[in-house]
Amino acid sequence: MKEATAMYRVLMRTAQQFSDSAYRNYALRRIRHEFRTSENFDRKRATDSLHMLTRQVTINRLYSLPPDVLHKKS
C-alpha cells in the first residue's frame, strides 16, 4: 500500500510539470482514474506510466508555446 501511494504521489507531481493546462488536467484525470479503478497495484505498469509521463513532459517543454494573456504572470 505504501508503494502504491508513493507511486501515485510521484505520478501526480510529474503531471503537474506540464506547461499546458489541458495536458496537465488530462494527465491528472487519467492518473486518478487509473488508481481508483485498479484492483491491485502493478509495479511494472506504474513504472512504465511514469517513464511515459516523464517523456511527455520533456517533449511538452521542448515544444511549448509562450504563455497566453490568461496565463501570463504580472
Foldseek 3Di string as FASTA:
>chain_A
DVVVVVLLVLQLVLLVLQPDPVSSVVSNVVSVVVVVPDPDDDPVVSVVVSVVSNVVSVVNVVPPDPDDPVPDDD
